[in-house]
Amino acid sequence: MKADLLLIGGYIGIALTLMAGLLIAHGTPREIWSAEGFVLAFGGATFATFALLTGADLKMLRGALKTAFTRAEFDYNKLIKDFGEYATISRKDGILALENVANRVDDGFLRRALRMAVDGVDPDQIEDRMATELSSLEERHNRAKSIFDNLATFSPAFGMIGTIMGLVLVLKSLDDPKQIGPKMSVALLSTFYGVFACYAVFTPLAKKLERKHKDENLYRHMVVKGIVWLQSGDSPKVLTSKMEGFLREKLRA
């Protein structure tokens, strides 16, 4: 799998933009660093999110990160071309001739659908079975995305908690002016870290997963409909034309 250069490039761009802003303001990274604020914003959001998760969700986290940072390989045009070939083989030699084709297919979802078609399973039953599998897949996708949605939600809240704590410490230090500046900086930086974590780290991850999940869902639905149309005896031209309709809808979305 290849890395998702757009997501990685986006994060690099965010970091460079932040550094450019600091340089323009004649500041340094050290001036916007606060261990206390960082721990409160990132640590608080992380543990609050963990409190909502199950063991299965934690196992899913690694896969979700891998999905986000690798480029999805859903070649819609190749899928349409392949189904055109399947229709040609089916018309020429019968649908049983697709058994050898199914054994060579790498994608497990497509392979299972082809084998059911070869076995003579009723098209409605195939659609129902694959719809159940798609529903389960969508549920896993939503759970994976919700991890980063929760992190994005909690980060600003814990940043604000850090700000309130910092302001309380400032008020308690009014008799010592030297302590006011450092404690006020902790208060403000906590909010900064919380907002930064939300909009620059976790929200892009959640949105990227959402986009990739939609792409995969479209691909899987094309497979299901393609199998149904293949079993109904559509000609290669008609079948590929119907499947191309999915892409036209995708471009309109």
C-alpha atoms as a PDB file:
ATOM      1  CA  MET A   1       0.000   0.000   0.000  1.00  0.00           C
ATOM      2  CA  LYS A   2       1.160   3.511  -0.808  1.00  0.00           C
ATOM      3  CA  ALA A   3       1.100   6.372   1.668  1.00  0.00           C
ATOM      4  CA  ASP A   4      -1.666   8.955   1.439  1.00  0.00           C
ATOM      5  CA  LEU A   5       0.531  11.892   0.471  1.00  0.00           C
ATOM      6  CA  LEU A   6      -2.344  14.383   0.616  1.00  0.00           C
ATOM      7  CA  LEU A   7      -3.039  13.704   4.299  1.00  0.00           C
ATOM      8  CA  ILE A   8       0.652  13.641   5.191  1.00  0.00           C
ATOM      9  CA  GLY A   9       1.269  16.761   3.103  1.00  0.00           C
ATOM     10  CA  GLY A  10      -1.647  18.482   4.814  1.00  0.00           C
ATOM     11  CA  TYR A  11      -0.169  17.847   8.245  1.00  0.00           C
ATOM     12  CA  ILE A  12       3.244  19.048   7.090  1.00  0.00           C
ATOM     13  CA  GLY A  13       1.593  22.165   5.658  1.00  0.00           C
ATOM     14  CA  ILE A  14      -0.146  22.845   8.981  1.00  0.00           C
ATOM     15  CA  ALA A  15       3.175  22.575  10.818  1.00  0.00           C
ATOM     16  CA  LEU A  16       4.917  24.864   8.323  1.00  0.00           C
ATOM     17  CA  THR A  17       2.089  27.405   8.517  1.00  0.00           C
ATOM     18  CA  LEU A  18       2.378  27.458  12.299  1.00  0.00           C
ATOM     19  CA  MET A  19       6.142  27.935  12.082  1.00  0.00           C
ATOM     20  CA  ALA A  20       5.736  30.698   9.503  1.00  0.00           C
ATOM     21  CA  GLY A  21       3.301  32.508  11.778  1.00  0.00           C
ATOM     22  CA  LEU A  22       5.783  32.277  14.639  1.00  0.00           C
ATOM     23  CA  LEU A  23       8.624  33.613  12.502  1.00  0.00           C
ATOM     24  CA  ILE A  24       6.519  36.526  11.283  1.00  0.00           C
ATOM     25  CA  ALA A  25       5.697  37.338  14.905  1.00  0.00           C
ATOM     26  CA  HIS A  26       9.399  36.968  15.807  1.00  0.00           C
ATOM     27  CA  GLY A  27       8.562  34.066  18.103  1.00  0.00           C
ATOM     28  CA  THR A  28      10.066  30.623  18.673  1.00  0.00           C
ATOM     29  CA  PRO A  29       8.522  27.164  19.206  1.00  0.00           C
ATOM     30  CA  ARG A  30       9.690  27.264  22.814  1.00  0.00           C
ATOM     31  CA  GLU A  31       7.453  30.255  23.448  1.00  0.00           C
ATOM     32  CA  ILE A  32       4.309  28.303  22.602  1.00  0.00           C
ATOM     33  CA  TRP A  33       5.325  25.181  24.514  1.00  0.00           C
ATOM     34  CA  SER A  34       3.688  24.319  27.812  1.00  0.00           C
ATOM     35  CA  ALA A  35       3.972  20.788  29.156  1.00  0.00           C
ATOM     36  CA  GLU A  36       1.082  21.410  31.546  1.00  0.00           C
ATOM     37  CA  GLY A  37      -1.223  22.679  28.803  1.00  0.00           C
ATOM     38  CA  PHE A  38      -0.236  19.850  26.452  1.00  0.00           C
ATOM     39  CA  VAL A  39      -0.923  17.164  29.051  1.00  0.00           C
ATOM     40  CA  LEU A  40      -4.303  18.678  29.945  1.00  0.00           C
ATOM     41  CA  ALA A  41      -5.516  19.086  26.348  1.00  0.00           C
ATOM     42  CA  PHE A  42      -4.126  15.979  24.655  1.00  0.00           C
ATOM     43  CA  GLY A  43      -3.937  13.705  27.680  1.00  0.00           C
ATOM     44  CA  GLY A  44      -7.385  14.591  28.971  1.00  0.00           C
ATOM     45  CA  ALA A  45      -9.005  14.129  25.550  1.00  0.00           C
ATOM     46  CA  THR A  46      -7.207  10.820  25.000  1.00  0.00           C
ATOM     47  CA  PHE A  47      -8.205   9.263  28.310  1.00  0.00           C
ATOM     48  CA  ALA A  48     -11.769  10.582  28.088  1.00  0.00           C
ATOM     49  CA  THR A  49     -12.047   8.909  24.681  1.00  0.00           C
ATOM     50  CA  PHE A  50     -10.517   5.680  25.977  1.00  0.00           C
ATOM     51  CA  ALA A  51     -13.190   5.620  28.679  1.00  0.00           C
ATOM     52  CA  LEU A  52     -15.813   5.321  25.922  1.00  0.00           C
ATOM     53  CA  LEU A  53     -14.087   2.526  24.014  1.00  0.00           C
ATOM     54  CA  THR A  54     -14.233  -1.233  24.193  1.00  0.00           C
ATOM     55  CA  GLY A  55     -11.399  -3.692  23.684  1.00  0.00           C
ATOM     56  CA  ALA A  56     -12.592  -4.247  20.113  1.00  0.00           C
ATOM     57  CA  ASP A  57     -12.450  -0.493  19.464  1.00  0.00           C
ATOM     58  CA  LEU A  58      -8.835  -0.334  20.622  1.00  0.00           C
ATOM     59  CA  LYS A  59      -7.899  -3.159  18.266  1.00  0.00           C
ATOM     60  CA  MET A  60      -9.672  -1.264  15.499  1.00  0.00           C
ATOM     61  CA  LEU A  61      -7.657   1.916  16.166  1.00  0.00           C
ATOM     62  CA  ARG A  62      -4.487   0.635  14.512  1.00  0.00           C
ATOM     63  CA  GLY A  63      -6.400  -0.399  11.412  1.00  0.00           C
ATOM     64  CA  ALA A  64      -8.165   2.969  11.276  1.00  0.00           C
ATOM     65  CA  LEU A  65      -4.846   4.837  11.356  1.00  0.00           C
ATOM     66  CA  LYS A  66      -3.464   2.561   8.653  1.00  0.00           C
ATOM     67  CA  THR A  67      -6.526   3.251   6.512  1.00  0.00           C
ATOM     68  CA  ALA A  68      -6.200   7.006   7.003  1.00  0.00           C
ATOM     69  CA  PHE A  69      -2.501   7.181   6.152  1.00  0.00           C
ATOM     70  CA  THR A  70      -2.506   4.810   3.161  1.00  0.00           C
ATOM     71  CA  ARG A  71      -3.971   5.472  -0.247  1.00  0.00           C
ATOM     72  CA  ALA A  72      -7.182   3.591  -0.947  1.00  0.00           C
ATOM     73  CA  GLU A  73      -7.024   1.262  -3.934  1.00  0.00           C
ATOM     74  CA  PHE A  74     -10.570   1.214  -5.279  1.00  0.00           C
ATOM     75  CA  ASP A  75     -10.230   1.230  -9.055  1.00  0.00           C
ATOM     76  CA  TYR A  76     -13.810   1.757 -10.203  1.00  0.00           C
ATOM     77  CA  ASN A  77     -12.935   1.777 -13.893  1.00  0.00           C
ATOM     78  CA  LYS A  78     -11.078  -1.534 -13.613  1.00  0.00           C
ATOM     79  CA  LEU A  79     -14.041  -3.021 -11.744  1.00  0.00           C
ATOM     80  CA  ILE A  80     -16.389  -1.972 -14.552  1.00  0.00           C
ATOM     81  CA  LYS A  81     -14.010  -3.400 -17.154  1.00  0.00           C
ATOM     82  CA  ASP A  82     -13.752  -6.669 -15.210  1.00  0.00           C
ATOM     83  CA  PHE A  83     -17.531  -7.006 -15.023  1.00  0.00           C
ATOM     84  CA  GLY A  84     -17.724  -6.426 -18.760  1.00  0.00           C
ATOM     85  CA  GLU A  85     -15.348  -9.373 -19.180  1.00  0.00           C
ATOM     86  CA  TYR A  86     -17.374 -11.465 -16.721  1.00  0.00           C
ATOM     87  CA  ALA A  87     -20.512 -10.770 -18.756  1.00  0.00           C
ATOM     88  CA  THR A  88     -18.723 -11.768 -21.964  1.00  0.00           C
ATOM     89  CA  ILE A  89     -17.526 -15.052 -20.439  1.00  0.00           C
ATOM     90  CA  SER A  90     -20.951 -15.757 -18.961  1.00  0.00           C
ATOM     91  CA  ARG A  91     -22.703 -15.208 -22.309  1.00  0.00           C
ATOM     92  CA  LYS A  92     -20.197 -17.302 -24.211  1.00  0.00           C
ATOM     93  CA  ASP A  93     -19.561 -20.228 -21.846  1.00  0.00           C
ATOM     94  CA  GLY A  94     -22.238 -19.913 -19.168  1.00  0.00           C
ATOM     95  CA  ILE A  95     -21.993 -18.489 -15.659  1.00  0.00           C
ATOM     96  CA  LEU A  96     -20.288 -21.665 -14.364  1.00  0.00           C
ATOM     97  CA  ALA A  97     -17.241 -20.644 -16.401  1.00  0.00           C
ATOM     98  CA  LEU A  98     -16.694 -17.818 -13.896  1.00  0.00           C
ATOM     99  CA  GLU A  99     -15.621 -20.293 -11.200  1.00  0.00           C
ATOM    100  CA  ASN A 100     -11.989 -20.191 -12.320  1.00  0.00           C
ATOM    101  CA  VAL A 101     -12.195 -16.405 -12.571  1.00  0.00           C
ATOM    102  CA  ALA A 102     -13.509 -16.157  -9.001  1.00  0.00           C
ATOM    103  CA  ASN A 103     -10.579 -18.204  -7.695  1.00  0.00           C
ATOM    104  CA  ARG A 104      -8.145 -15.647  -9.136  1.00  0.00           C
ATOM    105  CA  VAL A 105      -9.879 -12.577  -7.675  1.00  0.00           C
ATOM    106  CA  ASP A 106      -7.915 -10.945  -4.830  1.00  0.00           C
ATOM    107  CA  ASP A 107     -10.781  -8.963  -3.315  1.00  0.00           C
ATOM    108  CA  GLY A 108     -12.589 -11.246  -0.864  1.00  0.00           C
ATOM    109  CA  PHE A 109     -15.929  -9.431  -1.150  1.00  0.00           C
ATOM    110  CA  LEU A 110     -16.019  -9.745  -4.938  1.00  0.00           C
ATOM    111  CA  ARG A 111     -14.772 -13.342  -4.791  1.00  0.00           C
ATOM    112  CA  ARG A 112     -17.573 -14.383  -2.429  1.00  0.00           C
ATOM    113  CA  ALA A 113     -20.190 -12.674  -4.585  1.00  0.00           C
ATOM    114  CA  LEU A 114     -18.918 -14.366  -7.750  1.00  0.00           C
ATOM    115  CA  ARG A 115     -18.884 -17.779  -6.094  1.00  0.00           C
ATOM    116  CA  MET A 116     -22.478 -17.362  -4.950  1.00  0.00           C
ATOM    117  CA  ALA A 117     -23.458 -16.449  -8.506  1.00  0.00           C
ATOM    118  CA  VAL A 118     -21.630 -19.518  -9.843  1.00  0.00           C
ATOM    119  CA  ASP A 119     -23.360 -21.704  -7.236  1.00  0.00           C
ATOM    120  CA  GLY A 120     -26.710 -20.536  -8.545  1.00  0.00           C
ATOM    121  CA  VAL A 121     -27.777 -18.604  -5.463  1.00  0.00           C
ATOM    122  CA  ASP A 122     -30.848 -16.481  -6.159  1.00  0.00           C
ATOM    123  CA  PRO A 123     -29.936 -12.840  -6.994  1.00  0.00           C
ATOM    124  CA  ASP A 124     -32.194 -11.518  -4.221  1.00  0.00           C
ATOM    125  CA  GLN A 125     -30.474 -13.784  -1.695  1.00  0.00           C
ATOM    126  CA  ILE A 126     -27.051 -12.649  -2.886  1.00  0.00           C
ATOM    127  CA  GLU A 127     -28.121  -9.026  -2.531  1.00  0.00           C
ATOM    128  CA  ASP A 128     -29.489  -9.672   0.970  1.00  0.00           C
ATOM    129  CA  ARG A 129     -26.355 -11.508   2.131  1.00  0.00           C
ATOM    130  CA  MET A 130     -23.993  -8.915   0.738  1.00  0.00           C
ATOM    131  CA  ALA A 131     -26.173  -6.107   2.150  1.00  0.00           C
ATOM    132  CA  THR A 132     -25.790  -7.677   5.596  1.00  0.00           C
ATOM    133  CA  GLU A 133     -22.028  -7.759   5.124  1.00  0.00           C
ATOM    134  CA  LEU A 134     -22.054  -4.141   3.949  1.00  0.00           C
ATOM    135  CA  SER A 135     -24.082  -3.126   6.993  1.00  0.00           C
ATOM    136  CA  SER A 136     -21.516  -4.760   9.274  1.00  0.00           C
ATOM    137  CA  LEU A 137     -18.697  -3.057   7.373  1.00  0.00           C
ATOM    138  CA  GLU A 138     -20.398   0.331   7.691  1.00  0.00           C
ATOM    139  CA  GLU A 139     -20.838  -0.197  11.431  1.00  0.00           C
ATOM    140  CA  ARG A 140     -17.094  -0.877  11.810  1.00  0.00           C
ATOM    141  CA  HIS A 141     -16.325   2.200   9.733  1.00  0.00           C
ATOM    142  CA  ASN A 142     -18.564   4.396  11.866  1.00  0.00           C
ATOM    143  CA  ARG A 143     -17.013   3.084  15.080  1.00  0.00           C
ATOM    144  CA  ALA A 144     -13.510   3.770  13.778  1.00  0.00           C
ATOM    145  CA  LYS A 145     -14.432   7.312  12.726  1.00  0.00           C
ATOM    146  CA  SER A 146     -16.171   7.968  16.057  1.00  0.00           C
ATOM    147  CA  ILE A 147     -12.854   7.498  17.888  1.00  0.00           C
ATOM    148  CA  PHE A 148     -11.396  10.562  16.181  1.00  0.00           C
ATOM    149  CA  ASP A 149     -14.684  12.454  16.360  1.00  0.00           C
ATOM    150  CA  ASN A 150     -14.633  11.980  20.141  1.00  0.00           C
ATOM    151  CA  LEU A 151     -11.007  13.090  20.366  1.00  0.00           C
ATOM    152  CA  ALA A 152     -11.909  16.202  18.374  1.00  0.00           C
ATOM    153  CA  THR A 153     -14.873  16.875  20.665  1.00  0.00           C
ATOM    154  CA  PHE A 154     -12.994  16.421  23.937  1.00  0.00           C
ATOM    155  CA  SER A 155      -9.809  18.320  23.009  1.00  0.00           C
ATOM    156  CA  PRO A 156     -11.220  21.884  23.168  1.00  0.00           C
ATOM    157  CA  ALA A 157     -13.145  21.000  26.338  1.00  0.00           C
ATOM    158  CA  PHE A 158     -10.027  19.846  28.159  1.00  0.00           C
ATOM    159  CA  GLY A 159      -8.134  22.813  26.762  1.00  0.00           C
ATOM    160  CA  MET A 160     -10.752  25.042  28.377  1.00  0.00           C
ATOM    161  CA  ILE A 161     -10.404  23.112  31.644  1.00  0.00           C
ATOM    162  CA  GLY A 162      -6.685  23.878  31.513  1.00  0.00           C
ATOM    163  CA  THR A 163      -7.469  27.539  30.904  1.00  0.00           C
ATOM    164  CA  ILE A 164      -9.793  27.696  33.910  1.00  0.00           C
ATOM    165  CA  MET A 165      -7.188  26.008  36.098  1.00  0.00           C
ATOM    166  CA  GLY A 166      -4.573  28.463  34.866  1.00  0.00           C
ATOM    167  CA  LEU A 167      -6.790  31.457  35.618  1.00  0.00           C
ATOM    168  CA  VAL A 168      -7.446  30.153  39.124  1.00  0.00           C
ATOM    169  CA  LEU A 169      -3.688  29.921  39.670  1.00  0.00           C
ATOM    170  CA  VAL A 170      -3.270  33.448  38.309  1.00  0.00           C
ATOM    171  CA  LEU A 171      -5.820  34.803  40.765  1.00  0.00           C
ATOM    172  CA  LYS A 172      -4.026  33.058  43.605  1.00  0.00           C
ATOM    173  CA  SER A 173      -0.746  34.659  42.535  1.00  0.00           C
ATOM    174  CA  LEU A 174      -1.860  38.287  42.355  1.00  0.00           C
ATOM    175  CA  ASP A 175       0.410  39.132  45.259  1.00  0.00           C
ATOM    176  CA  ASP A 176       3.416  37.895  43.234  1.00  0.00           C
ATOM    177  CA  PRO A 177       3.497  39.673  39.840  1.00  0.00           C
ATOM    178  CA  LYS A 178       6.364  37.457  38.611  1.00  0.00           C
ATOM    179  CA  GLN A 179       4.087  34.403  38.695  1.00  0.00           C
ATOM    180  CA  ILE A 180       1.205  35.974  36.783  1.00  0.00           C
ATOM    181  CA  GLY A 181       2.831  35.872  33.320  1.00  0.00           C
ATOM    182  CA  PRO A 182       3.912  32.195  33.334  1.00  0.00           C
ATOM    183  CA  LYS A 183       0.616  31.004  34.787  1.00  0.00           C
ATOM    184  CA  MET A 184      -1.412  33.078  32.349  1.00  0.00           C
ATOM    185  CA  SER A 185       0.563  31.585  29.461  1.00  0.00           C
ATOM    186  CA  VAL A 186      -0.312  28.082  30.679  1.00  0.00           C
ATOM    187  CA  ALA A 187      -3.970  29.104  30.767  1.00  0.00           C
ATOM    188  CA  LEU A 188      -3.977  30.429  27.202  1.00  0.00           C
ATOM    189  CA  LEU A 189      -1.807  27.678  25.743  1.00  0.00           C
ATOM    190  CA  SER A 190      -4.149  25.016  27.093  1.00  0.00           C
ATOM    191  CA  THR A 191      -6.945  26.432  24.955  1.00  0.00           C
ATOM    192  CA  PHE A 192      -4.564  26.726  22.006  1.00  0.00           C
ATOM    193  CA  TYR A 193      -3.571  23.057  22.274  1.00  0.00           C
ATOM    194  CA  GLY A 194      -7.176  21.962  22.600  1.00  0.00           C
ATOM    195  CA  VAL A 195      -8.314  23.880  19.515  1.00  0.00           C
ATOM    196  CA  PHE A 196      -5.206  22.831  17.576  1.00  0.00           C
ATOM    197  CA  ALA A 197      -5.753  19.161  18.431  1.00  0.00           C
ATOM    198  CA  CYS A 198      -9.376  19.380  17.361  1.00  0.00           C
ATOM    199  CA  TYR A 199      -9.086  21.204  14.041  1.00  0.00           C
ATOM    200  CA  ALA A 200      -5.524  20.440  12.949  1.00  0.00           C
ATOM    201  CA  VAL A 201      -5.096  16.824  14.085  1.00  0.00           C
ATOM    202  CA  PHE A 202      -8.241  14.834  14.844  1.00  0.00           C
ATOM    203  CA  THR A 203     -10.885  16.405  12.580  1.00  0.00           C
ATOM    204  CA  PRO A 204      -8.796  15.908   9.400  1.00  0.00           C
ATOM    205  CA  LEU A 205      -8.310  12.258  10.386  1.00  0.00           C
ATOM    206  CA  ALA A 206     -12.033  11.750  10.965  1.00  0.00           C
ATOM    207  CA  LYS A 207     -12.958  13.447   7.681  1.00  0.00           C
ATOM    208  CA  LYS A 208     -10.344  11.454   5.765  1.00  0.00           C
ATOM    209  CA  LEU A 209     -11.733   8.194   7.152  1.00  0.00           C
ATOM    210  CA  GLU A 210     -15.257   9.294   6.271  1.00  0.00           C
ATOM    211  CA  ARG A 211     -14.217  10.005   2.668  1.00  0.00           C
ATOM    212  CA  LYS A 212     -12.430   6.663   2.309  1.00  0.00           C
ATOM    213  CA  HIS A 213     -15.322   4.787   3.856  1.00  0.00           C
ATOM    214  CA  LYS A 214     -17.713   6.356   1.341  1.00  0.00           C
ATOM    215  CA  ASP A 215     -15.398   5.355  -1.507  1.00  0.00           C
ATOM    216  CA  GLU A 216     -15.225   1.761  -0.271  1.00  0.00           C
ATOM    217  CA  ASN A 217     -18.978   1.638   0.265  1.00  0.00           C
ATOM    218  CA  LEU A 218     -19.571   2.779  -3.320  1.00  0.00           C
ATOM    219  CA  TYR A 219     -17.139   0.139  -4.617  1.00  0.00           C
ATOM    220  CA  ARG A 220     -18.890  -2.620  -2.662  1.00  0.00           C
ATOM    221  CA  HIS A 221     -22.344  -1.527  -3.832  1.00  0.00           C
ATOM    222  CA  MET A 222     -21.094  -1.584  -7.422  1.00  0.00           C
ATOM    223  CA  VAL A 223     -19.959  -5.175  -6.871  1.00  0.00           C
ATOM    224  CA  VAL A 224     -23.355  -6.238  -5.503  1.00  0.00           C
ATOM    225  CA  LYS A 225     -25.328  -4.604  -8.298  1.00  0.00           C
ATOM    226  CA  GLY A 226     -22.871  -5.886 -10.886  1.00  0.00           C
ATOM    227  CA  ILE A 227     -23.409  -9.468  -9.719  1.00  0.00           C
ATOM    228  CA  VAL A 228     -27.196  -9.066  -9.813  1.00  0.00           C
ATOM    229  CA  TRP A 229     -27.092  -7.636 -13.346  1.00  0.00           C
ATOM    230  CA  LEU A 230     -24.645 -10.334 -14.402  1.00  0.00           C
ATOM    231  CA  GLN A 231     -27.048 -13.043 -13.236  1.00  0.00           C
ATOM    232  CA  SER A 232     -29.957 -11.361 -14.981  1.00  0.00           C
ATOM    233  CA  GLY A 233     -28.141 -11.891 -18.293  1.00  0.00           C
ATOM    234  CA  ASP A 234     -27.343  -8.279 -19.168  1.00  0.00           C
ATOM    235  CA  SER A 235     -25.037  -7.860 -22.148  1.00  0.00           C
ATOM    236  CA  PRO A 236     -21.504  -6.579 -21.461  1.00  0.00           C
ATOM    237  CA  LYS A 237     -22.393  -3.183 -22.922  1.00  0.00           C
ATOM    238  CA  VAL A 238     -25.589  -2.803 -20.900  1.00  0.00           C
ATOM    239  CA  LEU A 239     -23.955  -4.019 -17.680  1.00  0.00           C
ATOM    240  CA  THR A 240     -20.967  -1.677 -17.933  1.00  0.00           C
ATOM    241  CA  SER A 241     -23.264   1.226 -18.819  1.00  0.00           C
ATOM    242  CA  LYS A 242     -25.322   0.610 -15.686  1.00  0.00           C
ATOM    243  CA  MET A 243     -22.204   0.437 -13.523  1.00  0.00           C
ATOM    244  CA  GLU A 244     -20.863   3.653 -15.033  1.00  0.00           C
ATOM    245  CA  GLY A 245     -24.012   5.290 -13.689  1.00  0.00           C
ATOM    246  CA  PHE A 246     -22.563   4.891 -10.181  1.00  0.00           C
ATOM    247  CA  LEU A 247     -19.571   7.002 -11.189  1.00  0.00           C
ATOM    248  CA  ARG A 248     -21.770   9.690 -12.705  1.00  0.00           C
ATOM    249  CA  GLU A 249     -23.640   9.894  -9.397  1.00  0.00           C
ATOM    250  CA  LYS A 250     -20.308  10.052  -7.536  1.00  0.00           C
ATOM    251  CA  LEU A 251     -19.168  13.017  -9.644  1.00  0.00           C
ATOM    252  CA  ARG A 252     -22.425  14.848  -8.926  1.00  0.00           C
ATOM    253  CA  ALA A 253     -22.094  14.305  -5.151  1.00  0.00           C
END
